[in-house]
Amino acid sequence: MYSGAAVQAAAAGKRGIMKALSKLLGQIRYECIAGTVDAQVSAVVYDSRKVTEGCLFLCIAGANADGHDFAADVVEKGARVLVVEKEVALPEAMLPPQKEVTVIKVADTRYAMAFLAAEWFGNPAREMKTIGITGTKGKTTTTYMVKSILEHAGHKVGLIGTIEVIIGDKRIHAVNTTPESYLLQEYLRQMADAGCDAVVMEVSSQGLKLHRTQGFIFDFGIFTNLEPDHIGPNEHADFEEYLNCKGLLFRQCRTGIVNRDDVHWKQVTEGHTCELETYGFAKDADLRAEDLDLVKKPGELGVAFHVKGRMDFSVEVPTPGRFSVYNALTAIAICRHFGVEPEAIRKALLEAKVKGRIEMVKVSDAFTLLIDYAHNAMSLESLLGTLREYEPNRLVCLFGCGGNRSKLRRYEMGEVSGKLADFTIITSDNPRFEEPWDIIGDIKIGIGRTEGKYVEICDRKEAIAYAIDHGEPGDIIVLAGKGHEDYQEIKGVKYPMDERDLIRDILKERGWK
């Protein structure tokens, strides 16, 4: 459960804010099975531990607990209204006329919570342009690109994503890619109050499945690409469900912007209720990239291309690979609707950086060093394949695997690195409650299926130092797996560890400038 409910409830209690239940229920189909909709509500809460006097409590069925089981308990603590999706057992003493408790039944309490939260916070999404980006890959990078471009054009932009939430100068660590609906609406309210005129957010398939983004209509919904992912217990039953959940965004936005090159784009947009436009390399895309050129500079990699179709100008992006073109095209397609001029787009794309997403760290003009979050075989294969196109002297891959996770992932990542990298440095990631050397042993099983050369260095700082010390002219060195993470988890403790700090310390120790 998130702390936002507690914060809001406490704040409401202190200020004496009361809102009419009938108003909160304005956009929801419901049945009042006890009490009256004329009740006044002091707060909206969905964590039984955070109940306050006079609040509305949403009975949410979660993975580990069901709020319906706590109905009597929350009424005893002072809850004035219960919103339920199934019957709850309340003693007669807790029901009218003995007690002023209202019970509202809805089809889905998660769905209802999104609308209740939107109304509770005054529908903040209506005060800004809202941009939602979904897809398997590219969401994080594209959100930062959009933010950079729009801010260069004079807009004030909030961001909600996998890494963090940004509200003005305030940065909040993200727990989920798409926050629970209540917390999302709370963030939107803070953004509107801070003067943001736009918000760009990552919209996960889980977020769509669990109705976290209901309660408002996105101005723009974007689809980047789709590959099998997030399929398994507590996620999606199969690829079809995963695809269908992604498609929900296009029944909740005014303008849909989709990658025409993705083979699934027609399936994802089936049944859409929005205006559609496309981008990609395809000749019939509304906005397309032409004349792709790989850019290689001392210690840096990038791409350059020409934008054609609904806009016409050249652009350079200081991150490598074809997927960088897609990310940039997505951002350009969005910002076109804001009337951003080509020159502002050019400048913003040159400066847009995302922590841990193909993040270049300048160490030497002789070789290129980058940090990336690639932490499974699919993402590592995509990354190394992209870097291969730049014809490095050697492609060096440094990575480890997380503890208390699938051994299969370790075998697969070892095999991918052994096949695609010229040299692999096997090290530790987040060992958690496993022994690091045991994890390294599993990775070696995978790399042993190839002819790839490797070295084992358990200490991650020592491994990075080895990579830097042995860098050769024309090498591309990848530090994979940690990305934006700034910790290492060992035996239940998260120790501070940021690869950028490690690199700075290594260079300082060697007297490098």
Protein backbone atom coordinates (compact mmCIF):
# COMPACT_ATOMS: atom_id res chain seq x y z
CA MET A 1 0.00 0.00 0.00
CA TYR A 2 1.14 3.51 -0.71
CA SER A 3 1.59 6.21 1.88
CA GLY A 4 -0.28 8.77 -0.24
CA ALA A 5 -3.62 7.74 1.22
CA ALA A 6 -2.33 8.31 4.72
CA VAL A 7 -0.90 11.69 3.84
CA GLN A 8 -4.09 12.85 2.22
CA ALA A 9 -6.28 11.50 5.01
CA ALA A 10 -4.19 13.20 7.66
CA ALA A 11 -4.14 16.46 5.74
CA ALA A 12 -7.87 16.36 5.20
CA GLY A 13 -8.48 15.72 8.88
CA LYS A 14 -6.35 18.68 9.91
CA ARG A 15 -7.96 21.06 7.43
CA GLY A 16 -11.49 19.83 8.11
CA ILE A 17 -12.11 19.20 4.41
CA MET A 18 -15.40 17.42 3.71
CA LYS A 19 -16.74 16.37 0.33
CA ALA A 20 -20.20 15.13 -0.60
CA LEU A 21 -20.33 11.41 -1.36
CA SER A 22 -22.85 12.03 -4.13
CA LYS A 23 -20.34 14.32 -5.83
CA LEU A 24 -17.51 11.78 -5.51
CA LEU A 25 -19.74 9.10 -7.05
CA GLY A 26 -20.77 11.32 -9.97
CA GLN A 27 -19.02 9.31 -12.71
CA ILE A 28 -19.58 5.82 -11.26
CA ARG A 29 -22.38 3.28 -11.62
CA TYR A 30 -23.26 2.11 -8.13
CA GLU A 31 -25.92 0.77 -5.79
CA CYS A 32 -26.42 2.23 -2.33
CA ILE A 33 -27.19 -0.84 -0.23
CA ALA A 34 -27.07 0.86 3.16
CA GLY A 35 -27.13 4.44 4.44
CA THR A 36 -27.33 7.50 2.20
CA VAL A 37 -25.33 9.12 -0.60
CA ASP A 38 -25.90 12.44 1.14
CA ALA A 39 -23.08 11.53 3.51
CA GLN A 40 -20.03 13.79 3.85
CA VAL A 41 -16.57 12.28 3.46
CA SER A 42 -13.39 13.49 5.18
CA ALA A 43 -10.87 11.41 3.21
CA VAL A 44 -10.52 8.62 0.67
CA VAL A 45 -8.53 5.64 2.00
CA TYR A 46 -7.73 2.14 0.68
CA ASP A 47 -5.31 0.92 3.39
CA SER A 48 -7.11 -0.33 6.51
CA ARG A 49 -4.18 0.82 8.63
CA LYS A 50 -4.74 4.44 7.55
CA VAL A 51 -8.43 4.83 8.36
CA THR A 52 -9.51 8.15 9.89
CA GLU A 53 -12.79 9.38 11.34
CA GLY A 54 -15.39 10.10 8.64
CA CYS A 55 -13.40 8.65 5.75
CA LEU A 56 -14.51 6.64 2.72
CA PHE A 57 -12.83 3.24 2.65
CA LEU A 58 -12.37 1.31 -0.59
CA CYS A 59 -12.34 -2.47 -0.16
CA ILE A 60 -9.62 -3.51 -2.63
CA ALA A 61 -8.75 -7.15 -3.26
CA GLY A 62 -4.93 -7.27 -3.49
CA ALA A 63 -2.39 -10.04 -4.04
CA ASN A 64 -1.83 -10.54 -0.32
CA ALA A 65 -4.94 -9.15 1.38
CA ASP A 66 -8.56 -8.33 0.65
CA GLY A 67 -9.94 -5.07 2.01
CA HIS A 68 -13.41 -6.64 2.26
CA ASP A 69 -12.11 -8.77 5.14
CA PHE A 70 -11.45 -5.60 7.16
CA ALA A 71 -14.88 -3.97 6.67
CA ALA A 72 -16.01 -4.30 10.28
CA ASP A 73 -12.62 -3.22 11.56
CA VAL A 74 -12.52 0.01 9.52
CA VAL A 75 -16.08 0.93 10.53
CA GLU A 76 -15.07 0.45 14.15
CA LYS A 77 -12.13 2.82 13.51
CA GLY A 78 -14.43 5.52 12.13
CA ALA A 79 -14.94 4.89 8.42
CA ARG A 80 -18.17 6.60 7.31
CA VAL A 81 -18.53 5.01 3.86
CA LEU A 82 -17.58 1.57 2.52
CA VAL A 83 -17.18 1.00 -1.22
CA VAL A 84 -17.37 -2.73 -1.99
CA GLU A 85 -17.62 -5.06 -4.97
CA LYS A 86 -18.93 -8.04 -2.99
CA GLU A 87 -20.92 -8.62 0.16
CA VAL A 88 -19.32 -7.75 3.47
CA ALA A 89 -20.34 -8.98 6.90
CA LEU A 90 -21.19 -6.12 9.25
CA PRO A 91 -22.83 -6.54 12.65
CA GLU A 92 -26.31 -4.99 12.90
CA ALA A 93 -24.92 -2.54 15.43
CA MET A 94 -22.74 -1.08 12.68
CA LEU A 95 -25.58 -0.57 10.21
CA PRO A 96 -28.26 2.15 10.00
CA PRO A 97 -30.13 3.26 11.98
CA GLN A 98 -27.79 2.25 14.81
CA LYS A 99 -24.79 3.76 13.04
CA GLU A 100 -24.47 6.27 10.20
CA VAL A 101 -22.57 4.03 7.80
CA THR A 102 -23.12 4.01 4.06
CA VAL A 103 -22.28 0.97 1.93
CA ILE A 104 -21.85 1.52 -1.81
CA LYS A 105 -21.60 -1.48 -4.13
CA VAL A 106 -19.79 -1.20 -7.48
CA ALA A 107 -18.72 -3.70 -10.13
CA ASP A 108 -14.99 -3.15 -9.54
CA THR A 109 -13.55 -1.21 -6.60
CA ARG A 110 -10.22 -0.57 -8.34
CA TYR A 111 -12.05 0.99 -11.28
CA ALA A 112 -14.21 3.01 -8.91
CA MET A 113 -11.17 4.19 -6.95
CA ALA A 114 -9.71 5.86 -10.02
CA PHE A 115 -12.82 8.03 -10.49
CA LEU A 116 -13.25 8.67 -6.77
CA ALA A 117 -9.62 9.78 -6.50
CA ALA A 118 -9.90 12.03 -9.55
CA GLU A 119 -12.95 13.73 -8.07
CA TRP A 120 -11.39 13.93 -4.59
CA PHE A 121 -8.39 15.82 -5.98
CA GLY A 122 -10.50 18.07 -8.19
CA ASN A 123 -9.85 16.33 -11.55
CA PRO A 124 -6.31 17.73 -11.98
CA ALA A 125 -5.80 16.06 -15.37
CA ARG A 126 -8.23 18.55 -16.87
CA GLU A 127 -5.82 21.36 -16.01
CA MET A 128 -2.93 19.94 -18.08
CA LYS A 129 -2.16 18.20 -21.35
CA THR A 130 -1.73 14.52 -20.53
CA ILE A 131 0.59 12.19 -22.46
CA GLY A 132 0.58 8.43 -21.82
CA ILE A 133 3.24 6.16 -23.36
CA THR A 134 2.88 2.36 -23.45
CA GLY A 135 4.92 -0.42 -25.03
CA THR A 136 7.45 -3.08 -24.10
CA LYS A 137 10.53 -0.94 -24.65
CA GLY A 138 11.30 2.73 -25.03
CA LYS A 139 8.80 4.16 -22.54
CA THR A 140 11.32 5.52 -20.07
CA THR A 141 13.67 7.09 -22.61
CA THR A 142 10.84 8.63 -24.59
CA THR A 143 9.22 10.24 -21.54
CA TYR A 144 12.47 12.05 -20.76
CA MET A 145 12.87 13.09 -24.40
CA VAL A 146 9.37 14.55 -24.45
CA LYS A 147 9.99 16.38 -21.19
CA SER A 148 13.26 17.82 -22.52
CA ILE A 149 11.76 19.01 -25.81
CA LEU A 150 8.67 20.59 -24.27
CA GLU A 151 10.69 22.34 -21.57
CA HIS A 152 13.02 23.76 -24.21
CA ALA A 153 9.89 25.17 -25.83
CA GLY A 154 8.83 26.89 -22.59
CA HIS A 155 6.43 24.36 -21.08
CA LYS A 156 6.53 23.17 -17.48
CA VAL A 157 6.28 19.38 -17.55
CA GLY A 158 5.67 16.78 -14.86
CA LEU A 159 6.90 13.21 -15.33
CA ILE A 160 5.71 9.88 -13.92
CA GLY A 161 7.74 6.80 -14.76
CA THR A 162 9.74 3.73 -13.85
CA ILE A 163 12.65 5.60 -12.31
CA GLU A 164 11.02 8.55 -10.60
CA VAL A 165 8.25 11.12 -10.41
CA ILE A 166 9.32 14.69 -11.20
CA ILE A 167 7.25 17.64 -9.97
CA GLY A 168 9.14 20.88 -10.56
CA ASP A 169 12.39 20.52 -8.60
CA LYS A 170 11.02 17.64 -6.53
CA ARG A 171 12.01 14.08 -7.43
CA ILE A 172 10.23 11.11 -5.86
CA HIS A 173 11.52 7.54 -6.14
CA ALA A 174 9.07 5.40 -8.10
CA VAL A 175 7.68 2.14 -6.69
CA ASN A 176 5.64 1.12 -9.73
CA THR A 177 5.96 2.25 -13.36
CA THR A 178 2.35 3.44 -13.16
CA PRO A 179 1.29 4.32 -9.59
CA GLU A 180 -1.96 3.20 -8.01
CA SER A 181 -4.80 5.46 -9.15
CA TYR A 182 -5.08 7.37 -5.87
CA LEU A 183 -1.39 8.17 -5.79
CA LEU A 184 -1.44 9.03 -9.50
CA GLN A 185 -4.20 11.57 -8.96
CA GLU A 186 -2.34 12.98 -5.95
CA TYR A 187 0.75 13.50 -8.13
CA LEU A 188 -1.35 15.11 -10.87
CA ARG A 189 -2.84 17.53 -8.33
CA GLN A 190 0.64 18.46 -7.10
CA MET A 191 1.77 19.02 -10.70
CA ALA A 192 -1.19 21.23 -11.54
CA ASP A 193 -0.68 23.23 -8.34
CA ALA A 194 3.02 23.61 -9.19
CA GLY A 195 2.10 25.22 -12.51
CA CYS A 196 2.73 22.29 -14.85
CA ASP A 197 0.85 22.63 -18.12
CA ALA A 198 1.71 19.10 -19.28
CA VAL A 199 2.50 15.71 -17.80
CA VAL A 200 4.17 12.79 -19.58
CA MET A 201 3.91 9.35 -18.03
CA GLU A 202 4.73 5.72 -18.63
CA VAL A 203 1.64 3.57 -18.79
CA SER A 204 2.33 -0.07 -18.01
CA SER A 205 0.16 -2.99 -19.06
CA GLN A 206 -0.39 -3.74 -15.36
CA GLY A 207 -1.44 -0.15 -14.79
CA LEU A 208 -4.02 -0.46 -17.57
CA LYS A 209 -5.18 -3.89 -16.41
CA LEU A 210 -5.71 -2.64 -12.85
CA HIS A 211 -7.46 0.60 -13.98
CA ARG A 212 -4.80 2.87 -12.46
CA THR A 213 -5.13 5.39 -15.28
CA GLN A 214 -8.91 5.58 -15.31
CA GLY A 215 -10.68 8.71 -14.13
CA PHE A 216 -9.54 10.89 -17.05
CA ILE A 217 -8.93 10.85 -20.80
CA PHE A 218 -5.36 11.20 -22.05
CA ASP A 219 -4.83 13.90 -24.63
CA PHE A 220 -2.25 11.67 -26.31
CA GLY A 221 -1.76 7.91 -26.09
CA ILE A 222 1.42 6.44 -27.58
CA PHE A 223 2.40 2.89 -28.52
CA THR A 224 6.12 2.16 -29.00
CA ASN A 225 6.44 -1.59 -29.61
CA LEU A 226 5.39 -4.99 -28.30
CA GLU A 227 7.34 -8.14 -27.43
CA PRO A 228 6.50 -11.03 -25.07
CA ASP A 229 7.14 -9.76 -21.53
CA HIS A 230 5.49 -9.55 -18.11
CA ILE A 231 3.79 -12.91 -18.61
CA GLY A 232 3.48 -15.07 -15.52
CA PRO A 233 2.03 -15.17 -11.98
CA ASN A 234 0.60 -11.84 -10.77
CA GLU A 235 1.19 -10.31 -14.22
CA HIS A 236 -0.46 -11.47 -17.48
CA ALA A 237 -1.82 -14.93 -18.23
CA ASP A 238 -0.51 -14.93 -21.79
CA PHE A 239 0.68 -12.71 -24.64
CA GLU A 240 -2.88 -12.09 -25.84
CA GLU A 241 -3.86 -10.60 -22.49
CA TYR A 242 -0.66 -8.53 -22.46
CA LEU A 243 -1.48 -7.17 -25.94
CA ASN A 244 -5.11 -6.47 -25.11
CA CYS A 245 -4.15 -4.55 -21.96
CA LYS A 246 -1.79 -2.34 -23.97
CA GLY A 247 -4.65 -1.64 -26.35
CA LEU A 248 -6.86 -0.26 -23.58
CA LEU A 249 -4.95 3.03 -23.80
CA PHE A 250 -6.44 3.71 -27.23
CA ARG A 251 -9.93 3.65 -25.77
CA GLN A 252 -8.83 6.20 -23.20
CA CYS A 253 -7.16 8.93 -25.26
CA ARG A 254 -8.13 11.60 -27.78
CA THR A 255 -5.18 11.16 -30.17
CA GLY A 256 -3.29 7.88 -30.58
CA ILE A 257 0.26 7.90 -31.95
CA VAL A 258 1.57 4.44 -32.88
CA ASN A 259 4.69 2.79 -34.29
CA ARG A 260 3.60 1.61 -37.74
CA ASP A 261 6.69 -0.61 -38.07
CA ASP A 262 5.64 -2.84 -35.18
CA VAL A 263 3.86 -5.96 -36.42
CA HIS A 264 1.28 -5.70 -33.64
CA TRP A 265 0.18 -2.09 -34.17
CA LYS A 266 -3.17 -2.95 -35.82
CA GLN A 267 -4.02 -5.51 -33.10
CA VAL A 268 -3.10 -3.06 -30.33
CA THR A 269 -5.31 -0.33 -31.78
CA GLU A 270 -8.27 -2.58 -32.64
CA GLY A 271 -11.45 -1.03 -31.29
CA HIS A 272 -9.78 2.33 -30.72
CA THR A 273 -11.94 5.37 -30.04
CA CYS A 274 -9.28 7.98 -30.79
CA GLU A 275 -7.84 9.71 -33.81
CA LEU A 276 -4.83 7.71 -35.03
CA GLU A 277 -1.54 8.75 -36.56
CA THR A 278 1.62 6.75 -37.19
CA TYR A 279 5.40 7.03 -37.17
CA GLY A 280 8.31 4.81 -38.22
CA PHE A 281 10.55 4.03 -41.18
CA ALA A 282 7.59 2.83 -43.28
CA LYS A 283 6.93 4.97 -46.35
CA ASP A 284 3.25 5.33 -45.48
CA ALA A 285 3.92 6.45 -41.88
CA ASP A 286 2.59 9.93 -41.13
CA LEU A 287 5.95 10.87 -39.60
CA ARG A 288 8.97 8.92 -40.76
CA ALA A 289 12.74 8.66 -40.52
CA GLU A 290 14.89 8.62 -43.64
CA ASP A 291 18.61 8.61 -44.43
CA LEU A 292 19.71 6.93 -41.19
CA ASP A 293 23.38 7.43 -40.36
CA LEU A 294 25.33 5.91 -37.46
CA VAL A 295 27.38 8.59 -35.69
CA LYS A 296 30.68 7.61 -34.08
CA LYS A 297 32.76 10.23 -32.24
CA PRO A 298 35.62 9.90 -29.71
CA GLY A 299 34.03 8.21 -26.70
CA GLU A 300 30.51 8.76 -28.06
CA LEU A 301 27.94 6.99 -30.25
CA GLY A 302 24.75 8.26 -31.82
CA VAL A 303 22.42 8.39 -34.83
CA ALA A 304 21.46 11.04 -37.35
CA PHE A 305 18.43 10.99 -39.65
CA HIS A 306 15.99 13.14 -41.60
CA VAL A 307 12.41 13.61 -40.41
CA LYS A 308 9.87 13.53 -43.24
CA GLY A 309 6.09 13.54 -43.60
CA ARG A 310 4.25 15.91 -41.27
CA MET A 311 7.57 17.61 -40.44
CA ASP A 312 10.74 18.11 -42.48
CA PHE A 313 14.15 18.58 -40.83
CA SER A 314 17.38 16.79 -39.87
CA VAL A 315 18.20 15.68 -36.34
CA GLU A 316 20.99 13.99 -34.38
CA VAL A 317 20.52 11.91 -31.21
CA PRO A 318 23.54 11.17 -28.96
CA THR A 319 22.49 7.58 -28.22
CA PRO A 320 23.14 4.64 -30.53
CA GLY A 321 20.96 2.36 -32.55
CA ARG A 322 17.79 2.10 -34.56
CA PHE A 323 15.66 2.09 -31.38
CA SER A 324 17.05 5.56 -30.57
CA VAL A 325 15.50 6.72 -33.84
CA TYR A 326 12.13 5.29 -32.79
CA ASN A 327 12.38 6.96 -29.38
CA ALA A 328 13.18 10.30 -30.99
CA LEU A 329 10.43 9.94 -33.62
CA THR A 330 7.91 9.22 -30.87
CA ALA A 331 8.93 12.34 -28.99
CA ILE A 332 8.85 14.45 -32.16
CA ALA A 333 5.39 13.13 -33.09
CA ILE A 334 4.06 14.19 -29.67
CA CYS A 335 5.75 17.57 -29.56
CA ARG A 336 4.50 18.43 -33.04
CA HIS A 337 1.06 18.77 -31.46
CA PHE A 338 2.46 21.40 -29.11
CA GLY A 339 3.75 23.47 -32.03
CA VAL A 340 7.42 23.01 -31.09
CA GLU A 341 9.76 24.32 -33.79
CA PRO A 342 12.44 22.03 -35.35
CA GLU A 343 15.34 24.01 -33.88
CA ALA A 344 14.01 23.56 -30.34
CA ILE A 345 13.59 19.84 -31.02
CA ARG A 346 17.17 19.54 -32.32
CA LYS A 347 18.66 21.23 -29.27
CA ALA A 348 16.55 19.28 -26.79
CA LEU A 349 17.36 15.88 -28.30
CA LEU A 350 21.08 16.60 -28.08
CA GLU A 351 20.72 17.26 -24.35
CA ALA A 352 18.12 14.66 -23.34
CA LYS A 353 19.65 11.96 -21.15
CA VAL A 354 18.11 9.13 -19.17
CA LYS A 355 19.98 7.67 -16.24
CA GLY A 356 20.92 4.08 -16.97
CA ARG A 357 19.44 3.86 -20.45
CA ILE A 358 22.40 3.62 -22.87
CA GLU A 359 24.00 6.32 -20.76
CA MET A 360 27.43 7.37 -22.08
CA VAL A 361 30.04 8.05 -19.42
CA LYS A 362 33.05 9.86 -20.84
CA VAL A 363 36.21 8.13 -19.63
CA SER A 364 38.52 8.27 -22.65
CA ASP A 365 38.59 9.37 -26.27
CA ALA A 366 40.14 5.99 -27.07
CA PHE A 367 37.10 3.88 -26.15
CA THR A 368 33.42 4.25 -25.35
CA LEU A 369 31.94 3.34 -21.95
CA LEU A 370 28.21 3.17 -21.33
CA ILE A 371 25.78 2.10 -18.58
CA ASP A 372 22.52 0.33 -19.37
CA TYR A 373 19.74 -1.35 -17.42
CA ALA A 374 19.70 -4.46 -19.67
CA HIS A 375 19.02 -7.15 -17.07
CA ASN A 376 17.58 -10.04 -19.04
CA ALA A 377 18.59 -11.96 -22.15
CA MET A 378 16.16 -10.15 -24.46
CA SER A 379 17.30 -6.65 -23.51
CA LEU A 380 20.98 -7.64 -23.45
CA GLU A 381 20.76 -9.23 -26.89
CA SER A 382 19.08 -6.11 -28.28
CA LEU A 383 21.71 -3.84 -26.74
CA LEU A 384 24.76 -5.85 -27.86
CA GLY A 385 23.29 -6.35 -31.33
CA THR A 386 22.82 -2.59 -31.67
CA LEU A 387 26.38 -1.84 -30.55
CA ARG A 388 27.74 -4.42 -32.98
CA GLU A 389 26.54 -2.20 -35.82
CA TYR A 390 29.17 0.37 -34.80
CA GLU A 391 31.97 -2.12 -35.64
CA PRO A 392 33.98 -1.78 -32.41
CA ASN A 393 37.50 -3.07 -32.04
CA ARG A 394 36.11 -5.18 -29.19
CA LEU A 395 32.68 -5.29 -27.64
CA VAL A 396 33.18 -5.81 -23.90
CA CYS A 397 30.20 -6.71 -21.68
CA LEU A 398 30.30 -6.49 -17.88
CA PHE A 399 27.30 -7.88 -16.00
CA GLY A 400 26.00 -9.98 -13.13
CA CYS A 401 22.59 -11.42 -12.27
CA GLY A 402 20.26 -10.91 -9.34
CA GLY A 403 20.00 -13.40 -6.52
CA ASN A 404 16.77 -15.23 -5.61
CA ARG A 405 15.71 -15.07 -9.23
CA SER A 406 15.48 -17.57 -12.06
CA LYS A 407 18.64 -19.56 -12.85
CA LEU A 408 17.40 -19.68 -16.44
CA ARG A 409 17.93 -15.93 -16.75
CA ARG A 410 21.57 -16.41 -15.72
CA TYR A 411 22.15 -19.16 -18.27
CA GLU A 412 20.50 -17.10 -21.02
CA MET A 413 22.38 -13.88 -20.27
CA GLY A 414 25.68 -15.78 -20.12
CA GLU A 415 24.96 -17.37 -23.49
CA VAL A 416 23.95 -14.06 -25.09
CA SER A 417 27.09 -12.29 -23.89
CA GLY A 418 29.28 -15.22 -24.91
CA LYS A 419 27.87 -15.11 -28.45
CA LEU A 420 27.68 -11.36 -29.06
CA ALA A 421 30.48 -9.84 -26.96
CA ASP A 422 34.16 -10.30 -27.70
CA PHE A 423 34.94 -10.38 -24.01
CA THR A 424 32.74 -10.76 -20.91
CA ILE A 425 33.50 -9.63 -17.37
CA ILE A 426 31.26 -11.62 -15.03
CA THR A 427 30.64 -9.83 -11.75
CA SER A 428 28.04 -9.37 -9.00
CA ASP A 429 24.73 -7.51 -9.30
CA ASN A 430 22.21 -7.78 -6.42
CA PRO A 431 23.05 -11.14 -4.86
CA ARG A 432 20.29 -10.70 -2.26
CA PHE A 433 20.33 -13.85 -0.10
CA GLU A 434 22.46 -15.95 -2.45
CA GLU A 435 26.23 -16.26 -2.54
CA PRO A 436 27.65 -14.11 -5.39
CA TRP A 437 30.05 -16.83 -6.53
CA ASP A 438 27.15 -19.28 -6.89
CA ILE A 439 25.39 -16.82 -9.22
CA ILE A 440 28.59 -16.34 -11.21
CA GLY A 441 28.83 -20.12 -11.50
CA ASP A 442 25.37 -20.22 -13.11
CA ILE A 443 26.30 -17.47 -15.58
CA LYS A 444 29.40 -19.49 -16.51
CA ILE A 445 27.17 -22.45 -17.45
CA GLY A 446 25.50 -20.23 -20.06
CA ILE A 447 28.68 -18.68 -21.38
CA GLY A 448 30.22 -22.18 -21.48
CA ARG A 449 27.80 -23.03 -24.30
CA THR A 450 29.71 -20.53 -26.47
CA GLU A 451 33.32 -19.86 -27.37
CA GLY A 452 33.20 -16.47 -25.68
CA LYS A 453 36.19 -15.36 -23.60
CA TYR A 454 35.58 -14.13 -20.08
CA VAL A 455 37.01 -13.27 -16.69
CA GLU A 456 35.35 -13.51 -13.24
CA ILE A 457 35.70 -10.59 -10.83
CA CYS A 458 33.14 -10.70 -8.04
CA ASP A 459 33.61 -7.18 -6.64
CA ARG A 460 31.78 -4.84 -9.02
CA LYS A 461 34.12 -1.87 -8.49
CA GLU A 462 37.14 -4.07 -9.18
CA ALA A 463 35.40 -5.44 -12.27
CA ILE A 464 34.73 -1.93 -13.61
CA ALA A 465 38.33 -0.92 -12.86
CA TYR A 466 39.51 -3.95 -14.83
CA ALA A 467 37.33 -2.96 -17.79
CA ILE A 468 38.69 0.61 -17.77
CA ASP A 469 42.33 -0.44 -17.25
CA HIS A 470 42.17 -2.92 -20.13
CA GLY A 471 40.18 -0.74 -22.53
CA GLU A 472 41.68 -0.72 -26.02
CA PRO A 473 41.34 1.91 -28.76
CA GLY A 474 38.01 1.51 -30.52
CA ASP A 475 36.44 -0.66 -27.78
CA ILE A 476 32.83 -0.30 -26.67
CA ILE A 477 32.48 -1.29 -23.01
CA VAL A 478 28.99 -1.97 -21.60
CA LEU A 479 28.20 -2.00 -17.89
CA ALA A 480 24.90 -3.88 -17.96
CA GLY A 481 22.24 -4.66 -15.40
CA LYS A 482 22.33 -1.88 -12.83
CA GLY A 483 21.32 1.08 -14.98
CA HIS A 484 19.61 3.72 -12.85
CA GLU A 485 19.93 1.69 -9.63
CA ASP A 486 22.09 3.31 -6.97
CA TYR A 487 22.40 0.39 -4.56
CA GLN A 488 23.54 -3.20 -4.21
CA GLU A 489 21.31 -5.54 -2.21
CA ILE A 490 23.17 -8.05 -0.03
CA LYS A 491 21.55 -10.23 2.65
CA GLY A 492 18.49 -8.02 2.88
CA VAL A 493 20.44 -4.74 3.11
CA LYS A 494 20.65 -2.15 0.32
CA TYR A 495 24.14 -0.64 0.30
CA PRO A 496 24.74 2.63 -1.63
CA MET A 497 26.41 1.86 -4.95
CA ASP A 498 26.15 4.02 -8.05
CA GLU A 499 28.28 2.96 -11.01
CA ARG A 500 28.90 6.60 -11.91
CA ASP A 501 30.45 7.15 -8.47
CA LEU A 502 32.51 4.00 -8.84
CA ILE A 503 33.84 5.22 -12.18
CA ARG A 504 34.72 8.65 -10.75
CA ASP A 505 36.52 7.00 -7.83
CA ILE A 506 38.45 4.69 -10.15
CA LEU A 507 39.54 7.56 -12.39
CA LYS A 508 40.56 9.64 -9.36
CA GLU A 509 42.58 6.76 -7.93
CA ARG A 510 44.45 6.51 -11.23
CA GLY A 511 44.97 10.21 -11.57
CA TRP A 512 42.97 10.41 -14.78
CA LYS A 513 41.31 13.67 -15.71
